[in-house]
Amino acid sequence: TATHLELGARLVLDDRGDEHRYDRLLLATGSRPRSL
């Protein structure tokens, strides 16, 4: 799971502690069911 974006540094951080550099980034994180 991606947990944080650093747009200036072009980095995606994930829940395993890894950093992922990008030249282009696509966000396609979808939806979750709503609760009442």
PDB file of all heavy atoms in Angstrom:
ATOM      1  N   THR A   1       0.835  -1.200   0.000  1.00  0.00           N
ATOM      2  CA  THR A   1       0.000   0.000   0.000  1.00  0.00           C
ATOM      3  C   THR A   1       0.869   1.248   0.000  1.00  0.00           C
ATOM      4  O   THR A   1       1.747   1.405   0.869  1.00  0.00           O
ATOM      5  CB  THR A   1      -0.917   0.022   1.237  1.00  0.00           C
ATOM      6  OG1 THR A   1      -1.747  -1.139   1.220  1.00  0.00           O
ATOM      7  CG2 THR A   1      -1.791   1.269   1.254  1.00  0.00           C
ATOM      8  N   ALA A   2       0.648   2.131  -0.964  1.00  0.00           N
ATOM      9  CA  ALA A   2       1.326   3.423  -0.962  1.00  0.00           C
ATOM     10  C   ALA A   2       0.764   4.274   0.172  1.00  0.00           C
ATOM     11  O   ALA A   2      -0.449   4.364   0.360  1.00  0.00           O
ATOM     12  CB  ALA A   2       1.133   4.125  -2.297  1.00  0.00           C
ATOM     13  N   THR A   3       1.635   4.897   0.936  1.00  0.00           N
ATOM     14  CA  THR A   3       1.209   5.649   2.118  1.00  0.00           C
ATOM     15  C   THR A   3       1.479   7.143   2.030  1.00  0.00           C
ATOM     16  O   THR A   3       0.872   7.918   2.766  1.00  0.00           O
ATOM     17  CB  THR A   3       1.913   5.106   3.370  1.00  0.00           C
ATOM     18  OG1 THR A   3       3.344   5.183   3.187  1.00  0.00           O
ATOM     19  CG2 THR A   3       1.514   3.660   3.638  1.00  0.00           C
ATOM     20  N   HIS A   4       2.378   7.555   1.146  1.00  0.00           N
ATOM     21  CA  HIS A   4       2.752   8.970   1.113  1.00  0.00           C
ATOM     22  C   HIS A   4       3.355   9.298  -0.246  1.00  0.00           C
ATOM     23  O   HIS A   4       4.059   8.470  -0.839  1.00  0.00           O
ATOM     24  CB  HIS A   4       3.771   9.264   2.223  1.00  0.00           C
ATOM     25  CG  HIS A   4       4.135  10.707   2.346  1.00  0.00           C
ATOM     26  ND1 HIS A   4       3.251  11.676   2.774  1.00  0.00           N
ATOM     27  CD2 HIS A   4       5.307  11.356   2.076  1.00  0.00           C
ATOM     28  CE1 HIS A   4       3.855  12.852   2.783  1.00  0.00           C
ATOM     29  NE2 HIS A   4       5.100  12.681   2.362  1.00  0.00           N
ATOM     30  N   LEU A   5       3.059  10.498  -0.725  1.00  0.00           N
ATOM     31  CA  LEU A   5       3.659  11.010  -1.954  1.00  0.00           C
ATOM     32  C   LEU A   5       4.501  12.234  -1.628  1.00  0.00           C
ATOM     33  O   LEU A   5       4.063  13.108  -0.862  1.00  0.00           O
ATOM     34  CB  LEU A   5       2.586  11.428  -2.970  1.00  0.00           C
ATOM     35  CG  LEU A   5       1.582  10.397  -3.455  1.00  0.00           C
ATOM     36  CD1 LEU A   5       0.620  11.049  -4.448  1.00  0.00           C
ATOM     37  CD2 LEU A   5       2.292   9.225  -4.101  1.00  0.00           C
ATOM     38  N   GLU A   6       5.682  12.298  -2.198  1.00  0.00           N
ATOM     39  CA  GLU A   6       6.492  13.510  -2.143  1.00  0.00           C
ATOM     40  C   GLU A   6       6.642  14.004  -3.572  1.00  0.00           C
ATOM     41  O   GLU A   6       7.502  13.530  -4.321  1.00  0.00           O
ATOM     42  CB  GLU A   6       7.851  13.221  -1.500  1.00  0.00           C
ATOM     43  CG  GLU A   6       7.747  12.852  -0.022  1.00  0.00           C
ATOM     44  CD  GLU A   6       9.099  12.675   0.634  1.00  0.00           C
ATOM     45  OE1 GLU A   6      10.128  12.927  -0.040  1.00  0.00           O
ATOM     46  OE2 GLU A   6       9.136  12.283   1.810  1.00  0.00           O
ATOM     47  N   LEU A   7       5.741  14.914  -3.950  1.00  0.00           N
ATOM     48  CA  LEU A   7       5.668  15.328  -5.347  1.00  0.00           C
ATOM     49  C   LEU A   7       6.934  16.052  -5.794  1.00  0.00           C
ATOM     50  O   LEU A   7       7.387  15.873  -6.923  1.00  0.00           O
ATOM     51  CB  LEU A   7       4.439  16.218  -5.558  1.00  0.00           C
ATOM     52  CG  LEU A   7       3.094  15.557  -5.242  1.00  0.00           C
ATOM     53  CD1 LEU A   7       1.957  16.550  -5.457  1.00  0.00           C
ATOM     54  CD2 LEU A   7       2.883  14.324  -6.114  1.00  0.00           C
ATOM     55  N   GLY A   8       7.500  16.867  -4.905  1.00  0.00           N
ATOM     56  CA  GLY A   8       8.710  17.595  -5.284  1.00  0.00           C
ATOM     57  C   GLY A   8       9.884  16.668  -5.544  1.00  0.00           C
ATOM     58  O   GLY A   8      10.663  16.873  -6.485  1.00  0.00           O
ATOM     59  N   ALA A   9       9.997  15.641  -4.730  1.00  0.00           N
ATOM     60  CA  ALA A   9      11.093  14.679  -4.883  1.00  0.00           C
ATOM     61  C   ALA A   9      10.750  13.546  -5.834  1.00  0.00           C
ATOM     62  O   ALA A   9      11.597  12.694  -6.112  1.00  0.00           O
ATOM     63  CB  ALA A   9      11.453  14.099  -3.514  1.00  0.00           C
ATOM     64  N   ARG A  10       9.487  13.519  -6.304  1.00  0.00           N
ATOM     65  CA  ARG A  10       9.007  12.455  -7.197  1.00  0.00           C
ATOM     66  C   ARG A  10       9.191  11.078  -6.564  1.00  0.00           C
ATOM     67  O   ARG A  10       9.763  10.160  -7.154  1.00  0.00           O
ATOM     68  CB  ARG A  10       9.706  12.522  -8.557  1.00  0.00           C
ATOM     69  CG  ARG A  10       9.363  13.782  -9.337  1.00  0.00           C
ATOM     70  CD  ARG A  10      10.110  13.865 -10.643  1.00  0.00           C
ATOM     71  NE  ARG A  10       9.728  15.041 -11.396  1.00  0.00           N
ATOM     72  CZ  ARG A  10       8.956  15.059 -12.474  1.00  0.00           C
ATOM     73  NH1 ARG A  10       8.498  13.916 -12.962  1.00  0.00           N
ATOM     74  NH2 ARG A  10       8.646  16.176 -13.094  1.00  0.00           N
ATOM     75  N   LEU A  11       8.646  10.933  -5.369  1.00  0.00           N
ATOM     76  CA  LEU A  11       8.767   9.691  -4.632  1.00  0.00           C
ATOM     77  C   LEU A  11       7.408   9.202  -4.153  1.00  0.00           C
ATOM     78  O   LEU A  11       6.550  10.000  -3.766  1.00  0.00           O
ATOM     79  CB  LEU A  11       9.667   9.865  -3.400  1.00  0.00           C
ATOM     80  CG  LEU A  11      11.167  10.027  -3.617  1.00  0.00           C
ATOM     81  CD1 LEU A  11      11.846  10.285  -2.280  1.00  0.00           C
ATOM     82  CD2 LEU A  11      11.760   8.784  -4.278  1.00  0.00           C
ATOM     83  N   VAL A  12       7.236   7.884  -4.188  1.00  0.00           N
ATOM     84  CA  VAL A  12       6.106   7.212  -3.558  1.00  0.00           C
ATOM     85  C   VAL A  12       6.656   6.366  -2.421  1.00  0.00           C
ATOM     86  O   VAL A  12       7.581   5.568  -2.632  1.00  0.00           O
ATOM     87  CB  VAL A  12       5.345   6.317  -4.558  1.00  0.00           C
ATOM     88  CG1 VAL A  12       4.181   5.611  -3.857  1.00  0.00           C
ATOM     89  CG2 VAL A  12       4.839   7.120  -5.746  1.00  0.00           C
ATOM     90  N   LEU A  13       6.104   6.528  -1.227  1.00  0.00           N
ATOM     91  CA  LEU A  13       6.511   5.728  -0.081  1.00  0.00           C
ATOM     92  C   LEU A  13       5.435   4.699   0.209  1.00  0.00           C
ATOM     93  O   LEU A  13       4.234   4.997   0.080  1.00  0.00           O
ATOM     94  CB  LEU A  13       6.731   6.609   1.150  1.00  0.00           C
ATOM     95  CG  LEU A  13       8.011   7.463   1.195  1.00  0.00           C
ATOM     96  CD1 LEU A  13       7.983   8.548   0.125  1.00  0.00           C
ATOM     97  CD2 LEU A  13       8.186   8.109   2.568  1.00  0.00           C
ATOM     98  N   ASP A  14       5.832   3.485   0.618  1.00  0.00           N
ATOM     99  CA  ASP A  14       4.838   2.448   0.872  1.00  0.00           C
ATOM    100  C   ASP A  14       4.884   1.956   2.314  1.00  0.00           C
ATOM    101  O   ASP A  14       5.730   2.386   3.115  1.00  0.00           O
ATOM    102  CB  ASP A  14       4.986   1.285  -0.119  1.00  0.00           C
ATOM    103  CG  ASP A  14       6.252   0.459   0.083  1.00  0.00           C
ATOM    104  OD1 ASP A  14       6.739   0.354   1.225  1.00  0.00           O
ATOM    105  OD2 ASP A  14       6.756  -0.105  -0.903  1.00  0.00           O
ATOM    106  N   ASP A  15       3.948   1.065   2.659  1.00  0.00           N
ATOM    107  CA  ASP A  15       3.806   0.609   4.037  1.00  0.00           C
ATOM    108  C   ASP A  15       4.878  -0.382   4.450  1.00  0.00           C
ATOM    109  O   ASP A  15       4.895  -0.825   5.608  1.00  0.00           O
ATOM    110  CB  ASP A  15       2.412   0.018   4.263  1.00  0.00           C
ATOM    111  CG  ASP A  15       2.108  -1.171   3.363  1.00  0.00           C
ATOM    112  OD1 ASP A  15       2.907  -1.456   2.436  1.00  0.00           O
ATOM    113  OD2 ASP A  15       1.057  -1.809   3.569  1.00  0.00           O
ATOM    114  N   ARG A  16       5.773  -0.735   3.555  1.00  0.00           N
ATOM    115  CA  ARG A  16       6.903  -1.590   3.911  1.00  0.00           C
ATOM    116  C   ARG A  16       8.176  -0.782   4.145  1.00  0.00           C
ATOM    117  O   ARG A  16       9.243  -1.344   4.370  1.00  0.00           O
ATOM    118  CB  ARG A  16       7.142  -2.631   2.818  1.00  0.00           C
ATOM    119  CG  ARG A  16       5.962  -3.571   2.617  1.00  0.00           C
ATOM    120  CD  ARG A  16       6.260  -4.641   1.594  1.00  0.00           C
ATOM    121  NE  ARG A  16       5.125  -5.540   1.423  1.00  0.00           N
ATOM    122  CZ  ARG A  16       5.126  -6.600   0.619  1.00  0.00           C
ATOM    123  NH1 ARG A  16       6.214  -6.882  -0.095  1.00  0.00           N
ATOM    124  NH2 ARG A  16       4.063  -7.373   0.514  1.00  0.00           N
ATOM    125  N   GLY A  17       8.046   0.533   4.025  1.00  0.00           N
ATOM    126  CA  GLY A  17       9.194   1.404   4.240  1.00  0.00           C
ATOM    127  C   GLY A  17      10.029   1.662   3.010  1.00  0.00           C
ATOM    128  O   GLY A  17      11.097   2.292   3.099  1.00  0.00           O
ATOM    129  N   ASP A  18       9.570   1.211   1.857  1.00  0.00           N
ATOM    130  CA  ASP A  18      10.330   1.412   0.622  1.00  0.00           C
ATOM    131  C   ASP A  18       9.944   2.719  -0.053  1.00  0.00           C
ATOM    132  O   ASP A  18       8.820   3.213   0.083  1.00  0.00           O
ATOM    133  CB  ASP A  18      10.093   0.256  -0.348  1.00  0.00           C
ATOM    134  CG  ASP A  18      10.657  -1.056   0.163  1.00  0.00           C
ATOM    135  OD1 ASP A  18      11.656  -1.017   0.899  1.00  0.00           O
ATOM    136  OD2 ASP A  18      10.083  -2.115  -0.167  1.00  0.00           O
ATOM    137  N   GLU A  19      10.896   3.285  -0.796  1.00  0.00           N
ATOM    138  CA  GLU A  19      10.672   4.488  -1.588  1.00  0.00           C
ATOM    139  C   GLU A  19      10.781   4.135  -3.065  1.00  0.00           C
ATOM    140  O   GLU A  19      11.657   3.357  -3.463  1.00  0.00           O
ATOM    141  CB  GLU A  19      11.706   5.560  -1.241  1.00  0.00           C
ATOM    142  CG  GLU A  19      11.637   6.059   0.197  1.00  0.00           C
ATOM    143  CD  GLU A  19      12.662   7.142   0.458  1.00  0.00           C
ATOM    144  OE1 GLU A  19      13.554   7.367  -0.406  1.00  0.00           O
ATOM    145  OE2 GLU A  19      12.592   7.777   1.530  1.00  0.00           O
ATOM    146  N   HIS A  20       9.894   4.726  -3.863  1.00  0.00           N
ATOM    147  CA  HIS A  20       9.859   4.427  -5.293  1.00  0.00           C
ATOM    148  C   HIS A  20       9.904   5.742  -6.076  1.00  0.00           C
ATOM    149  O   HIS A  20       8.964   6.542  -6.014  1.00  0.00           O
ATOM    150  CB  HIS A  20       8.590   3.648  -5.648  1.00  0.00           C
ATOM    151  CG  HIS A  20       8.356   2.463  -4.760  1.00  0.00           C
ATOM    152  ND1 HIS A  20       9.060   1.283  -4.900  1.00  0.00           N
ATOM    153  CD2 HIS A  20       7.530   2.292  -3.696  1.00  0.00           C
ATOM    154  CE1 HIS A  20       8.660   0.432  -3.973  1.00  0.00           C
ATOM    155  NE2 HIS A  20       7.732   1.014  -3.238  1.00  0.00           N
ATOM    156  N   ARG A  21      10.993   5.939  -6.788  1.00  0.00           N
ATOM    157  CA  ARG A  21      11.135   7.135  -7.606  1.00  0.00           C
ATOM    158  C   ARG A  21      10.332   6.980  -8.897  1.00  0.00           C
ATOM    159  O   ARG A  21      10.224   5.878  -9.440  1.00  0.00           O
ATOM    160  CB  ARG A  21      12.608   7.357  -7.951  1.00  0.00           C
ATOM    161  CG  ARG A  21      12.897   8.629  -8.746  1.00  0.00           C
ATOM    162  CD  ARG A  21      14.309   8.593  -9.316  1.00  0.00           C
ATOM    163  NE  ARG A  21      14.528   7.400 -10.126  1.00  0.00           N
ATOM    164  CZ  ARG A  21      14.083   7.250 -11.371  1.00  0.00           C
ATOM    165  NH1 ARG A  21      13.353   8.210 -11.962  1.00  0.00           N
ATOM    166  NH2 ARG A  21      14.333   6.132 -12.032  1.00  0.00           N
ATOM    167  N   TYR A  22       9.781   8.072  -9.387  1.00  0.00           N
ATOM    168  CA  TYR A  22       9.041   8.025 -10.651  1.00  0.00           C
ATOM    169  C   TYR A  22       9.432   9.206 -11.537  1.00  0.00           C
ATOM    170  O   TYR A  22       9.817  10.276 -11.048  1.00  0.00           O
ATOM    171  CB  TYR A  22       7.532   8.039 -10.405  1.00  0.00           C
ATOM    172  CG  TYR A  22       6.989   9.327  -9.811  1.00  0.00           C
ATOM    173  CD1 TYR A  22       6.675  10.423 -10.620  1.00  0.00           C
ATOM    174  CD2 TYR A  22       6.784   9.455  -8.435  1.00  0.00           C
ATOM    175  CE1 TYR A  22       6.180  11.599 -10.085  1.00  0.00           C
ATOM    176  CE2 TYR A  22       6.282  10.624  -7.885  1.00  0.00           C
ATOM    177  CZ  TYR A  22       5.990  11.703  -8.716  1.00  0.00           C
ATOM    178  OH  TYR A  22       5.511  12.865  -8.183  1.00  0.00           O
ATOM    179  N   ASP A  23       9.317   8.981 -12.840  1.00  0.00           N
ATOM    180  CA  ASP A  23       9.354  10.079 -13.803  1.00  0.00           C
ATOM    181  C   ASP A  23       7.934  10.521 -14.136  1.00  0.00           C
ATOM    182  O   ASP A  23       7.674  11.704 -14.330  1.00  0.00           O
ATOM    183  CB  ASP A  23      10.087   9.650 -15.074  1.00  0.00           C
ATOM    184  CG  ASP A  23      11.545   9.328 -14.808  1.00  0.00           C
ATOM    185  OD1 ASP A  23      12.218  10.154 -14.145  1.00  0.00           O
ATOM    186  OD2 ASP A  23      12.005   8.257 -15.236  1.00  0.00           O
ATOM    187  N   ARG A  24       7.017   9.536 -14.239  1.00  0.00           N
ATOM    188  CA  ARG A  24       5.581   9.806 -14.378  1.00  0.00           C
ATOM    189  C   ARG A  24       4.852   8.930 -13.368  1.00  0.00           C
ATOM    190  O   ARG A  24       5.261   7.788 -13.099  1.00  0.00           O
ATOM    191  CB  ARG A  24       5.077   9.484 -15.789  1.00  0.00           C
ATOM    192  CG  ARG A  24       5.831  10.181 -16.898  1.00  0.00           C
ATOM    193  CD  ARG A  24       5.200  11.506 -17.323  1.00  0.00           C
ATOM    194  NE  ARG A  24       6.204  12.343 -17.987  1.00  0.00           N
ATOM    195  CZ  ARG A  24       6.652  12.153 -19.219  1.00  0.00           C
ATOM    196  NH1 ARG A  24       6.153  11.167 -19.945  1.00  0.00           N
ATOM    197  NH2 ARG A  24       7.578  12.935 -19.728  1.00  0.00           N
ATOM    198  N   LEU A  25       3.762   9.469 -12.848  1.00  0.00           N
ATOM    199  CA  LEU A  25       3.011   8.779 -11.813  1.00  0.00           C
ATOM    200  C   LEU A  25       1.542   8.734 -12.186  1.00  0.00           C
ATOM    201  O   LEU A  25       0.961   9.754 -12.581  1.00  0.00           O
ATOM    202  CB  LEU A  25       3.176   9.515 -10.477  1.00  0.00           C
ATOM    203  CG  LEU A  25       2.331   9.027  -9.297  1.00  0.00           C
ATOM    204  CD1 LEU A  25       2.738   7.619  -8.882  1.00  0.00           C
ATOM    205  CD2 LEU A  25       2.478   9.991  -8.110  1.00  0.00           C
ATOM    206  N   LEU A  26       0.937   7.562 -12.077  1.00  0.00           N
ATOM    207  CA  LEU A  26      -0.494   7.404 -12.277  1.00  0.00           C
ATOM    208  C   LEU A  26      -1.128   6.975 -10.965  1.00  0.00           C
ATOM    209  O   LEU A  26      -0.742   5.957 -10.379  1.00  0.00           O
ATOM    210  CB  LEU A  26      -0.784   6.358 -13.356  1.00  0.00           C
ATOM    211  CG  LEU A  26      -2.265   5.969 -13.524  1.00  0.00           C
ATOM    212  CD1 LEU A  26      -3.106   7.170 -13.946  1.00  0.00           C
ATOM    213  CD2 LEU A  26      -2.417   4.826 -14.513  1.00  0.00           C
ATOM    214  N   LEU A  27      -2.118   7.728 -10.528  1.00  0.00           N
ATOM    215  CA  LEU A  27      -2.903   7.377  -9.349  1.00  0.00           C
ATOM    216  C   LEU A  27      -4.195   6.727  -9.809  1.00  0.00           C
ATOM    217  O   LEU A  27      -4.986   7.336 -10.538  1.00  0.00           O
ATOM    218  CB  LEU A  27      -3.204   8.620  -8.513  1.00  0.00           C
ATOM    219  CG  LEU A  27      -1.988   9.388  -7.995  1.00  0.00           C
ATOM    220  CD1 LEU A  27      -2.423  10.639  -7.258  1.00  0.00           C
ATOM    221  CD2 LEU A  27      -1.123   8.497  -7.104  1.00  0.00           C
ATOM    222  N   ALA A  28      -4.395   5.493  -9.397  1.00  0.00           N
ATOM    223  CA  ALA A  28      -5.590   4.731  -9.772  1.00  0.00           C
ATOM    224  C   ALA A  28      -6.022   3.914  -8.552  1.00  0.00           C
ATOM    225  O   ALA A  28      -6.104   2.692  -8.596  1.00  0.00           O
ATOM    226  CB  ALA A  28      -5.296   3.834 -10.972  1.00  0.00           C
ATOM    227  N   THR A  29      -6.302   4.622  -7.473  1.00  0.00           N
ATOM    228  CA  THR A  29      -6.497   3.990  -6.174  1.00  0.00           C
ATOM    229  C   THR A  29      -7.925   3.511  -5.932  1.00  0.00           C
ATOM    230  O   THR A  29      -8.199   2.885  -4.898  1.00  0.00           O
ATOM    231  CB  THR A  29      -6.073   4.950  -5.046  1.00  0.00           C
ATOM    232  OG1 THR A  29      -6.582   6.264  -5.316  1.00  0.00           O
ATOM    233  CG2 THR A  29      -4.565   5.027  -4.959  1.00  0.00           C
ATOM    234  N   GLY A  30      -8.862   3.780  -6.855  1.00  0.00           N
ATOM    235  CA  GLY A  30     -10.186   3.195  -6.775  1.00  0.00           C
ATOM    236  C   GLY A  30     -11.048   3.754  -5.666  1.00  0.00           C
ATOM    237  O   GLY A  30     -10.862   4.888  -5.204  1.00  0.00           O
ATOM    238  N   SER A  31     -12.017   2.946  -5.214  1.00  0.00           N
ATOM    239  CA  SER A  31     -13.004   3.370  -4.228  1.00  0.00           C
ATOM    240  C   SER A  31     -13.131   2.340  -3.124  1.00  0.00           C
ATOM    241  O   SER A  31     -12.681   1.204  -3.255  1.00  0.00           O
ATOM    242  CB  SER A  31     -14.376   3.551  -4.890  1.00  0.00           C
ATOM    243  OG  SER A  31     -14.355   4.564  -5.866  1.00  0.00           O
ATOM    244  N   ARG A  32     -13.782   2.748  -2.056  1.00  0.00           N
ATOM    245  CA  ARG A  32     -14.142   1.843  -0.966  1.00  0.00           C
ATOM    246  C   ARG A  32     -15.636   1.988  -0.693  1.00  0.00           C
ATOM    247  O   ARG A  32     -16.212   3.054  -0.945  1.00  0.00           O
ATOM    248  CB  ARG A  32     -13.358   2.159   0.305  1.00  0.00           C
ATOM    249  CG  ARG A  32     -13.638   3.536   0.874  1.00  0.00           C
ATOM    250  CD  ARG A  32     -13.060   3.688   2.282  1.00  0.00           C
ATOM    251  NE  ARG A  32     -11.626   3.464   2.295  1.00  0.00           N
ATOM    252  CZ  ARG A  32     -10.713   4.400   2.018  1.00  0.00           C
ATOM    253  NH1 ARG A  32     -11.111   5.618   1.676  1.00  0.00           N
ATOM    254  NH2 ARG A  32      -9.436   4.134   2.059  1.00  0.00           N
ATOM    255  N   PRO A  33     -16.282   0.948  -0.182  1.00  0.00           N
ATOM    256  CA  PRO A  33     -17.709   1.070   0.132  1.00  0.00           C
ATOM    257  C   PRO A  33     -17.943   2.106   1.229  1.00  0.00           C
ATOM    258  O   PRO A  33     -17.185   2.204   2.191  1.00  0.00           O
ATOM    259  CB  PRO A  33     -18.079  -0.338   0.626  1.00  0.00           C
ATOM    260  CG  PRO A  33     -17.020  -1.237   0.088  1.00  0.00           C
ATOM    261  CD  PRO A  33     -15.772  -0.412   0.052  1.00  0.00           C
ATOM    262  N   ARG A  34     -18.995   2.868   1.068  1.00  0.00           N
ATOM    263  CA  ARG A  34     -19.381   3.827   2.106  1.00  0.00           C
ATOM    264  C   ARG A  34     -20.071   3.104   3.254  1.00  0.00           C
ATOM    265  O   ARG A  34     -20.729   2.080   3.048  1.00  0.00           O
ATOM    266  CB  ARG A  34     -20.324   4.893   1.536  1.00  0.00           C
ATOM    267  CG  ARG A  34     -19.694   5.797   0.487  1.00  0.00           C
ATOM    268  CD  ARG A  34     -20.668   6.901   0.072  1.00  0.00           C
ATOM    269  NE  ARG A  34     -20.145   7.685  -1.032  1.00  0.00           N
ATOM    270  CZ  ARG A  34     -19.335   8.733  -0.889  1.00  0.00           C
ATOM    271  NH1 ARG A  34     -18.972   9.108   0.348  1.00  0.00           N
ATOM    272  NH2 ARG A  34     -18.894   9.408  -1.926  1.00  0.00           N
ATOM    273  N   SER A  35     -19.948   3.659   4.432  1.00  0.00           N
ATOM    274  CA  SER A  35     -20.700   3.176   5.590  1.00  0.00           C
ATOM    275  C   SER A  35     -21.774   4.199   5.927  1.00  0.00           C
ATOM    276  O   SER A  35     -21.781   5.317   5.405  1.00  0.00           O
ATOM    277  CB  SER A  35     -19.768   2.968   6.781  1.00  0.00           C
ATOM    278  OG  SER A  35     -19.117   4.187   7.128  1.00  0.00           O
ATOM    279  N   LEU A  36     -22.691   3.817   6.783  1.00  0.00           N
ATOM    280  CA  LEU A  36     -23.731   4.738   7.230  1.00  0.00           C
ATOM    281  C   LEU A  36     -23.318   5.349   8.562  1.00  0.00           C
ATOM    282  O   LEU A  36     -22.987   4.620   9.512  1.00  0.00           O
ATOM    283  CB  LEU A  36     -25.061   4.006   7.394  1.00  0.00           C
ATOM    284  CG  LEU A  36     -25.850   3.734   6.119  1.00  0.00           C
ATOM    285  CD1 LEU A  36     -27.116   2.935   6.447  1.00  0.00           C
ATOM    286  CD2 LEU A  36     -26.233   5.027   5.416  1.00  0.00           C
TER     287      LEU A  36
END
